[in-house]
Amino acid sequence: MQTSDTLSTTFAALADPTRRAILARLAEGEASVGELAAPFEMSLPAVSKHLKVLERAALIRRTKVAQWRRCALRAEGLRDAARWLGHYERFWSESLDRLAAYLDEQRDEPARASRSVGSDQTAEDNDGDGSTEAR
């Protein structure tokens, strides 16, 4: 598992939407720097800076094949971040379960209140001897 400093680097890299989009593209397979830069309105040097951040965070691997630079996703970095987040999954699951139970109670509350009002009226209409009188 990664140390907290490495996790900080990983989460800092993931904080940027451009870098997340690059990772999403690399999840489909290897790509050249030019292919990764194509959807963005930024220069190749700017994209290269994003790639360096991702590489430092161990989220991608860059290789040079002839004159081409290829990038590939490194699952280990993401796996370690997911494992760290997994420690908190139980907390979120329990919190969401409690929220769902609360919302169910709130949804059922108007139905209980209307049934309660109806039974109060029946009790008021009853004169005590089991019969009801017209008022």
N, C-alpha and C. Protein backbone atom coordinates (compact mmCIF):
# COMPACT_ATOMS: atom_id res chain seq x y z
N MET A 1 0.85 -1.18 0.00
CA MET A 1 0.00 0.00 0.00
C MET A 1 0.89 1.24 0.00
N GLN A 2 0.42 2.31 -0.61
CA GLN A 2 1.20 3.52 -0.72
C GLN A 2 1.27 4.25 0.62
N THR A 3 2.34 5.02 0.81
CA THR A 3 2.42 5.87 1.99
C THR A 3 1.53 7.08 1.78
N SER A 4 1.29 7.82 2.86
CA SER A 4 0.40 8.98 2.74
C SER A 4 0.96 10.02 1.79
N ASP A 5 2.32 10.19 1.73
CA ASP A 5 2.90 11.16 0.80
C ASP A 5 2.63 10.75 -0.64
N THR A 6 2.76 9.47 -0.93
CA THR A 6 2.48 8.98 -2.28
C THR A 6 0.99 9.12 -2.58
N LEU A 7 0.16 8.84 -1.59
CA LEU A 7 -1.28 9.02 -1.80
C LEU A 7 -1.61 10.48 -2.06
N SER A 8 -0.94 11.39 -1.37
CA SER A 8 -1.16 12.82 -1.60
C SER A 8 -0.81 13.18 -3.04
N THR A 9 0.29 12.63 -3.53
CA THR A 9 0.70 12.89 -4.91
C THR A 9 -0.34 12.32 -5.87
N THR A 10 -0.83 11.12 -5.57
CA THR A 10 -1.84 10.48 -6.43
C THR A 10 -3.12 11.31 -6.46
N PHE A 11 -3.62 11.67 -5.30
CA PHE A 11 -4.88 12.42 -5.27
C PHE A 11 -4.72 13.83 -5.84
N ALA A 12 -3.55 14.44 -5.68
CA ALA A 12 -3.30 15.74 -6.30
C ALA A 12 -3.34 15.60 -7.83
N ALA A 13 -2.77 14.52 -8.34
CA ALA A 13 -2.81 14.29 -9.79
C ALA A 13 -4.24 14.07 -10.27
N LEU A 14 -5.02 13.34 -9.48
CA LEU A 14 -6.40 13.05 -9.86
C LEU A 14 -7.33 14.25 -9.70
N ALA A 15 -6.88 15.28 -9.02
CA ALA A 15 -7.73 16.45 -8.76
C ALA A 15 -8.01 17.27 -10.02
N ASP A 16 -7.17 17.13 -11.02
CA ASP A 16 -7.31 17.93 -12.23
C ASP A 16 -8.18 17.22 -13.27
N PRO A 17 -9.21 17.88 -13.79
CA PRO A 17 -10.10 17.23 -14.77
C PRO A 17 -9.40 16.83 -16.07
N THR A 18 -8.40 17.60 -16.50
CA THR A 18 -7.66 17.22 -17.72
C THR A 18 -6.92 15.91 -17.49
N ARG A 19 -6.28 15.77 -16.34
CA ARG A 19 -5.55 14.54 -16.06
C ARG A 19 -6.50 13.36 -15.90
N ARG A 20 -7.67 13.59 -15.31
CA ARG A 20 -8.65 12.49 -15.22
C ARG A 20 -9.12 12.08 -16.62
N ALA A 21 -9.29 13.04 -17.51
CA ALA A 21 -9.69 12.72 -18.89
C ALA A 21 -8.59 11.93 -19.60
N ILE A 22 -7.35 12.29 -19.35
CA ILE A 22 -6.23 11.54 -19.95
C ILE A 22 -6.23 10.11 -19.44
N LEU A 23 -6.44 9.93 -18.13
CA LEU A 23 -6.50 8.57 -17.57
C LEU A 23 -7.66 7.78 -18.16
N ALA A 24 -8.79 8.44 -18.35
CA ALA A 24 -9.95 7.75 -18.95
C ALA A 24 -9.62 7.29 -20.36
N ARG A 25 -8.92 8.13 -21.10
CA ARG A 25 -8.52 7.73 -22.47
C ARG A 25 -7.54 6.56 -22.42
N LEU A 26 -6.59 6.60 -21.49
CA LEU A 26 -5.61 5.53 -21.39
C LEU A 26 -6.21 4.23 -20.88
N ALA A 27 -7.34 4.30 -20.25
CA ALA A 27 -8.04 3.09 -19.82
C ALA A 27 -8.49 2.28 -21.03
N GLU A 28 -8.61 2.93 -22.18
CA GLU A 28 -8.99 2.25 -23.42
C GLU A 28 -7.79 1.61 -24.10
N GLY A 29 -6.58 2.01 -23.71
CA GLY A 29 -5.38 1.45 -24.31
C GLY A 29 -4.29 2.51 -24.44
N GLU A 30 -3.10 2.06 -24.80
CA GLU A 30 -1.96 2.97 -24.97
C GLU A 30 -2.28 4.04 -26.01
N ALA A 31 -1.58 5.19 -25.87
CA ALA A 31 -1.77 6.28 -26.83
C ALA A 31 -0.50 7.11 -26.89
N SER A 32 -0.31 7.77 -28.01
CA SER A 32 0.82 8.69 -28.14
C SER A 32 0.44 10.01 -27.47
N VAL A 33 1.46 10.82 -27.22
CA VAL A 33 1.22 12.13 -26.61
C VAL A 33 0.31 12.95 -27.52
N GLY A 34 0.53 12.88 -28.81
CA GLY A 34 -0.32 13.62 -29.76
C GLY A 34 -1.77 13.18 -29.70
N GLU A 35 -1.98 11.87 -29.61
CA GLU A 35 -3.35 11.35 -29.50
C GLU A 35 -4.02 11.82 -28.21
N LEU A 36 -3.23 11.85 -27.13
CA LEU A 36 -3.79 12.31 -25.85
C LEU A 36 -4.09 13.81 -25.87
N ALA A 37 -3.28 14.57 -26.61
CA ALA A 37 -3.45 16.02 -26.67
C ALA A 37 -4.61 16.45 -27.55
N ALA A 38 -4.98 15.61 -28.52
CA ALA A 38 -5.97 15.99 -29.54
C ALA A 38 -7.27 16.58 -28.99
N PRO A 39 -7.91 15.99 -27.96
CA PRO A 39 -9.19 16.54 -27.53
C PRO A 39 -9.10 17.85 -26.73
N PHE A 40 -7.90 18.28 -26.39
CA PHE A 40 -7.74 19.46 -25.53
C PHE A 40 -7.26 20.66 -26.31
N GLU A 41 -7.74 21.81 -25.93
CA GLU A 41 -7.30 23.06 -26.56
C GLU A 41 -6.11 23.59 -25.77
N MET A 42 -4.99 22.86 -25.85
CA MET A 42 -3.77 23.29 -25.18
C MET A 42 -2.58 22.80 -25.99
N SER A 43 -1.45 23.39 -25.71
CA SER A 43 -0.23 23.04 -26.45
C SER A 43 0.29 21.67 -26.02
N LEU A 44 1.13 21.08 -26.87
CA LEU A 44 1.77 19.81 -26.52
C LEU A 44 2.62 19.94 -25.26
N PRO A 45 3.36 21.05 -25.07
CA PRO A 45 4.11 21.18 -23.81
C PRO A 45 3.19 21.21 -22.58
N ALA A 46 2.02 21.79 -22.71
CA ALA A 46 1.08 21.80 -21.57
C ALA A 46 0.58 20.39 -21.27
N VAL A 47 0.26 19.64 -22.30
CA VAL A 47 -0.17 18.25 -22.12
C VAL A 47 0.98 17.44 -21.52
N SER A 48 2.19 17.69 -21.98
CA SER A 48 3.37 17.00 -21.47
C SER A 48 3.54 17.24 -19.97
N LYS A 49 3.24 18.45 -19.52
CA LYS A 49 3.33 18.75 -18.08
C LYS A 49 2.31 17.91 -17.30
N HIS A 50 1.10 17.78 -17.84
CA HIS A 50 0.09 16.94 -17.20
C HIS A 50 0.57 15.48 -17.13
N LEU A 51 1.20 15.03 -18.21
CA LEU A 51 1.70 13.65 -18.25
C LEU A 51 2.81 13.44 -17.23
N LYS A 52 3.65 14.44 -17.03
CA LYS A 52 4.71 14.33 -16.03
C LYS A 52 4.11 14.20 -14.63
N VAL A 53 3.06 14.95 -14.35
CA VAL A 53 2.39 14.84 -13.04
C VAL A 53 1.82 13.44 -12.85
N LEU A 54 1.18 12.92 -13.89
CA LEU A 54 0.62 11.57 -13.82
C LEU A 54 1.71 10.51 -13.66
N GLU A 55 2.83 10.73 -14.33
CA GLU A 55 3.94 9.78 -14.23
C GLU A 55 4.56 9.82 -12.83
N ARG A 56 4.75 11.02 -12.28
CA ARG A 56 5.29 11.14 -10.92
C ARG A 56 4.38 10.47 -9.89
N ALA A 57 3.08 10.48 -10.15
CA ALA A 57 2.11 9.85 -9.26
C ALA A 57 1.99 8.35 -9.51
N ALA A 58 2.79 7.83 -10.42
CA ALA A 58 2.80 6.40 -10.79
C ALA A 58 1.45 5.95 -11.35
N LEU A 59 0.76 6.86 -12.04
CA LEU A 59 -0.52 6.53 -12.65
C LEU A 59 -0.37 6.16 -14.12
N ILE A 60 0.72 6.60 -14.74
CA ILE A 60 0.98 6.23 -16.14
C ILE A 60 2.45 5.84 -16.30
N ARG A 61 2.71 5.17 -17.40
CA ARG A 61 4.08 4.80 -17.80
C ARG A 61 4.30 5.41 -19.18
N ARG A 62 5.42 6.10 -19.35
CA ARG A 62 5.75 6.66 -20.66
C ARG A 62 6.95 5.93 -21.22
N THR A 63 6.86 5.57 -22.48
CA THR A 63 7.96 4.91 -23.16
C THR A 63 8.25 5.64 -24.47
N LYS A 64 9.47 5.46 -24.96
CA LYS A 64 9.83 6.06 -26.24
C LYS A 64 10.09 4.92 -27.22
N VAL A 65 9.33 4.94 -28.31
CA VAL A 65 9.50 3.95 -29.37
C VAL A 65 9.87 4.74 -30.61
N ALA A 66 11.12 4.61 -31.04
CA ALA A 66 11.66 5.40 -32.14
C ALA A 66 11.50 6.87 -31.76
N GLN A 67 10.81 7.67 -32.59
CA GLN A 67 10.62 9.08 -32.26
C GLN A 67 9.30 9.33 -31.53
N TRP A 68 8.54 8.29 -31.30
CA TRP A 68 7.22 8.43 -30.68
C TRP A 68 7.27 8.17 -29.19
N ARG A 69 6.54 8.98 -28.46
CA ARG A 69 6.37 8.76 -27.03
C ARG A 69 4.99 8.18 -26.80
N ARG A 70 4.97 7.00 -26.19
CA ARG A 70 3.70 6.30 -25.91
C ARG A 70 3.43 6.34 -24.42
N CYS A 71 2.16 6.38 -24.06
CA CYS A 71 1.75 6.39 -22.66
C CYS A 71 0.79 5.24 -22.41
N ALA A 72 0.87 4.69 -21.22
CA ALA A 72 -0.02 3.59 -20.83
C ALA A 72 -0.42 3.79 -19.37
N LEU A 73 -1.58 3.33 -19.05
CA LEU A 73 -2.09 3.40 -17.69
C LEU A 73 -1.33 2.41 -16.80
N ARG A 74 -1.02 2.82 -15.59
CA ARG A 74 -0.43 1.92 -14.59
C ARG A 74 -1.50 1.68 -13.53
N ALA A 75 -2.03 0.50 -13.51
CA ALA A 75 -3.14 0.19 -12.61
C ALA A 75 -2.73 0.21 -11.14
N GLU A 76 -1.45 -0.02 -10.85
CA GLU A 76 -1.02 -0.12 -9.45
C GLU A 76 -1.35 1.16 -8.66
N GLY A 77 -1.05 2.31 -9.23
CA GLY A 77 -1.30 3.57 -8.54
C GLY A 77 -2.77 3.77 -8.23
N LEU A 78 -3.61 3.47 -9.20
CA LEU A 78 -5.05 3.59 -8.99
C LEU A 78 -5.55 2.53 -8.00
N ARG A 79 -4.99 1.35 -8.09
CA ARG A 79 -5.39 0.26 -7.19
C ARG A 79 -5.09 0.63 -5.74
N ASP A 80 -3.90 1.21 -5.50
CA ASP A 80 -3.54 1.60 -4.14
C ASP A 80 -4.45 2.71 -3.61
N ALA A 81 -4.80 3.66 -4.48
CA ALA A 81 -5.72 4.73 -4.05
C ALA A 81 -7.11 4.14 -3.76
N ALA A 82 -7.56 3.22 -4.59
CA ALA A 82 -8.86 2.58 -4.38
C ALA A 82 -8.85 1.77 -3.08
N ARG A 83 -7.75 1.10 -2.81
CA ARG A 83 -7.63 0.32 -1.57
C ARG A 83 -7.72 1.26 -0.35
N TRP A 84 -7.05 2.40 -0.44
CA TRP A 84 -7.10 3.36 0.66
C TRP A 84 -8.53 3.87 0.86
N LEU A 85 -9.19 4.19 -0.24
CA LEU A 85 -10.59 4.64 -0.16
C LEU A 85 -11.50 3.54 0.36
N GLY A 86 -11.17 2.28 0.05
CA GLY A 86 -11.97 1.15 0.49
C GLY A 86 -12.08 1.05 2.00
N HIS A 87 -11.06 1.55 2.70
CA HIS A 87 -11.13 1.54 4.16
C HIS A 87 -12.31 2.36 4.67
N TYR A 88 -12.74 3.33 3.88
CA TYR A 88 -13.82 4.22 4.29
C TYR A 88 -15.17 3.81 3.70
N GLU A 89 -15.16 2.78 2.88
CA GLU A 89 -16.40 2.33 2.23
C GLU A 89 -17.44 1.92 3.26
N ARG A 90 -17.02 1.22 4.32
CA ARG A 90 -17.97 0.77 5.34
C ARG A 90 -18.66 1.97 5.98
N PHE A 91 -17.88 3.01 6.28
CA PHE A 91 -18.45 4.22 6.86
C PHE A 91 -19.52 4.81 5.94
N TRP A 92 -19.19 4.94 4.65
CA TRP A 92 -20.14 5.53 3.71
C TRP A 92 -21.36 4.64 3.51
N SER A 93 -21.14 3.34 3.45
CA SER A 93 -22.26 2.42 3.28
C SER A 93 -23.21 2.52 4.47
N GLU A 94 -22.66 2.54 5.68
CA GLU A 94 -23.49 2.65 6.87
C GLU A 94 -24.22 3.99 6.89
N SER A 95 -23.52 5.05 6.53
CA SER A 95 -24.15 6.38 6.51
C SER A 95 -25.28 6.44 5.49
N LEU A 96 -25.05 5.87 4.32
CA LEU A 96 -26.09 5.87 3.29
C LEU A 96 -27.28 4.99 3.69
N ASP A 97 -27.00 3.88 4.38
CA ASP A 97 -28.09 3.03 4.88
C ASP A 97 -28.94 3.79 5.89
N ARG A 98 -28.26 4.54 6.79
CA ARG A 98 -29.01 5.33 7.78
C ARG A 98 -29.83 6.42 7.09
N LEU A 99 -29.26 7.05 6.08
CA LEU A 99 -29.99 8.07 5.33
C LEU A 99 -31.22 7.47 4.64
N ALA A 100 -31.06 6.30 4.03
CA ALA A 100 -32.18 5.64 3.36
C ALA A 100 -33.27 5.30 4.36
N ALA A 101 -32.91 4.81 5.54
CA ALA A 101 -33.90 4.48 6.57
C ALA A 101 -34.63 5.74 7.03
N TYR A 102 -33.89 6.83 7.20
CA TYR A 102 -34.50 8.10 7.61
C TYR A 102 -35.47 8.61 6.55
N LEU A 103 -35.06 8.54 5.29
CA LEU A 103 -35.94 9.00 4.21
C LEU A 103 -37.19 8.13 4.11
N ASP A 104 -37.05 6.83 4.34
CA ASP A 104 -38.22 5.94 4.35
C ASP A 104 -39.17 6.34 5.46
N GLU A 105 -38.63 6.65 6.64
CA GLU A 105 -39.46 7.09 7.76
C GLU A 105 -40.20 8.38 7.42
N GLN A 106 -39.47 9.32 6.81
CA GLN A 106 -40.08 10.60 6.45
C GLN A 106 -41.17 10.43 5.40
N ARG A 107 -40.95 9.52 4.46
CA ARG A 107 -41.95 9.26 3.43
C ARG A 107 -43.20 8.62 4.03
N ASP A 108 -43.01 7.74 5.02
CA ASP A 108 -44.14 7.05 5.65
C ASP A 108 -44.84 7.92 6.69
N GLU A 109 -44.20 8.97 7.18
CA GLU A 109 -44.76 9.82 8.23
C GLU A 109 -46.11 10.43 7.84
N PRO A 110 -46.29 11.02 6.65
CA PRO A 110 -47.60 11.59 6.30
C PRO A 110 -48.71 10.52 6.30
N ALA A 111 -48.40 9.32 5.88
CA ALA A 111 -49.41 8.26 5.87
C ALA A 111 -49.82 7.90 7.29
N ARG A 112 -48.86 7.82 8.21
CA ARG A 112 -49.18 7.52 9.61
C ARG A 112 -49.98 8.65 10.22
N ALA A 113 -49.62 9.89 9.88
CA ALA A 113 -50.33 11.04 10.44
C ALA A 113 -51.78 11.07 9.97
N SER A 114 -52.02 10.76 8.70
CA SER A 114 -53.41 10.78 8.21
C SER A 114 -54.22 9.65 8.81
N ARG A 115 -53.61 8.49 9.04
CA ARG A 115 -54.33 7.40 9.70
C ARG A 115 -54.63 7.78 11.14
N SER A 116 -53.71 8.47 11.79
CA SER A 116 -53.89 8.88 13.17
C SER A 116 -55.03 9.89 13.29
N VAL A 117 -55.11 10.85 12.36
CA VAL A 117 -56.18 11.84 12.36
C VAL A 117 -57.52 11.14 12.17
N GLY A 118 -57.61 10.17 11.30
CA GLY A 118 -58.85 9.45 11.06
C GLY A 118 -59.30 8.69 12.29
N SER A 119 -58.40 8.10 13.05
CA SER A 119 -58.79 7.36 14.24
C SER A 119 -59.18 8.30 15.36
N ASP A 120 -58.62 9.52 15.41
CA ASP A 120 -59.03 10.49 16.41
C ASP A 120 -60.46 10.95 16.16
N GLN A 121 -60.83 11.14 14.91
CA GLN A 121 -62.19 11.54 14.60
C GLN A 121 -63.18 10.45 14.99
N THR A 122 -62.85 9.20 14.78
CA THR A 122 -63.72 8.09 15.15
C THR A 122 -63.92 8.09 16.65
N ALA A 123 -62.87 8.33 17.41
CA ALA A 123 -62.99 8.35 18.87
C ALA A 123 -63.86 9.50 19.32
N GLU A 124 -63.79 10.67 18.67
CA GLU A 124 -64.61 11.81 19.03
C GLU A 124 -66.08 11.54 18.71
N ASP A 125 -66.34 10.80 17.64
CA ASP A 125 -67.71 10.53 17.24
C ASP A 125 -68.36 9.51 18.16
N ASN A 126 -67.61 8.72 18.86
CA ASN A 126 -68.14 7.68 19.73
C ASN A 126 -68.54 8.32 21.06
N ASP A 127 -69.81 8.10 21.50
CA ASP A 127 -70.28 8.74 22.73
C ASP A 127 -69.99 7.92 23.97
N GLY A 128 -69.21 6.84 23.84
CA GLY A 128 -68.81 6.08 25.00
C GLY A 128 -69.58 4.79 25.17
N ASP A 129 -70.79 4.65 24.59
CA ASP A 129 -71.53 3.43 24.77
C ASP A 129 -71.47 2.53 23.54
N GLY A 130 -70.52 2.82 22.65
CA GLY A 130 -70.36 1.99 21.48
C GLY A 130 -71.18 2.46 20.30
N SER A 131 -72.06 3.44 20.51
CA SER A 131 -72.86 3.95 19.38
C SER A 131 -72.36 5.32 19.02
N THR A 132 -72.70 5.73 17.84
CA THR A 132 -72.34 7.06 17.42
C THR A 132 -73.61 7.87 17.26
N GLU A 133 -73.54 9.11 17.66
CA GLU A 133 -74.69 10.00 17.53
C GLU A 133 -74.43 10.97 16.40
N ALA A 134 -75.48 11.38 15.75
CA ALA A 134 -75.35 12.42 14.75
C ALA A 134 -75.19 13.74 15.47
N ARG A 135 -74.36 14.55 15.03
CA ARG A 135 -74.14 15.85 15.71
C ARG A 135 -74.84 16.95 15.02
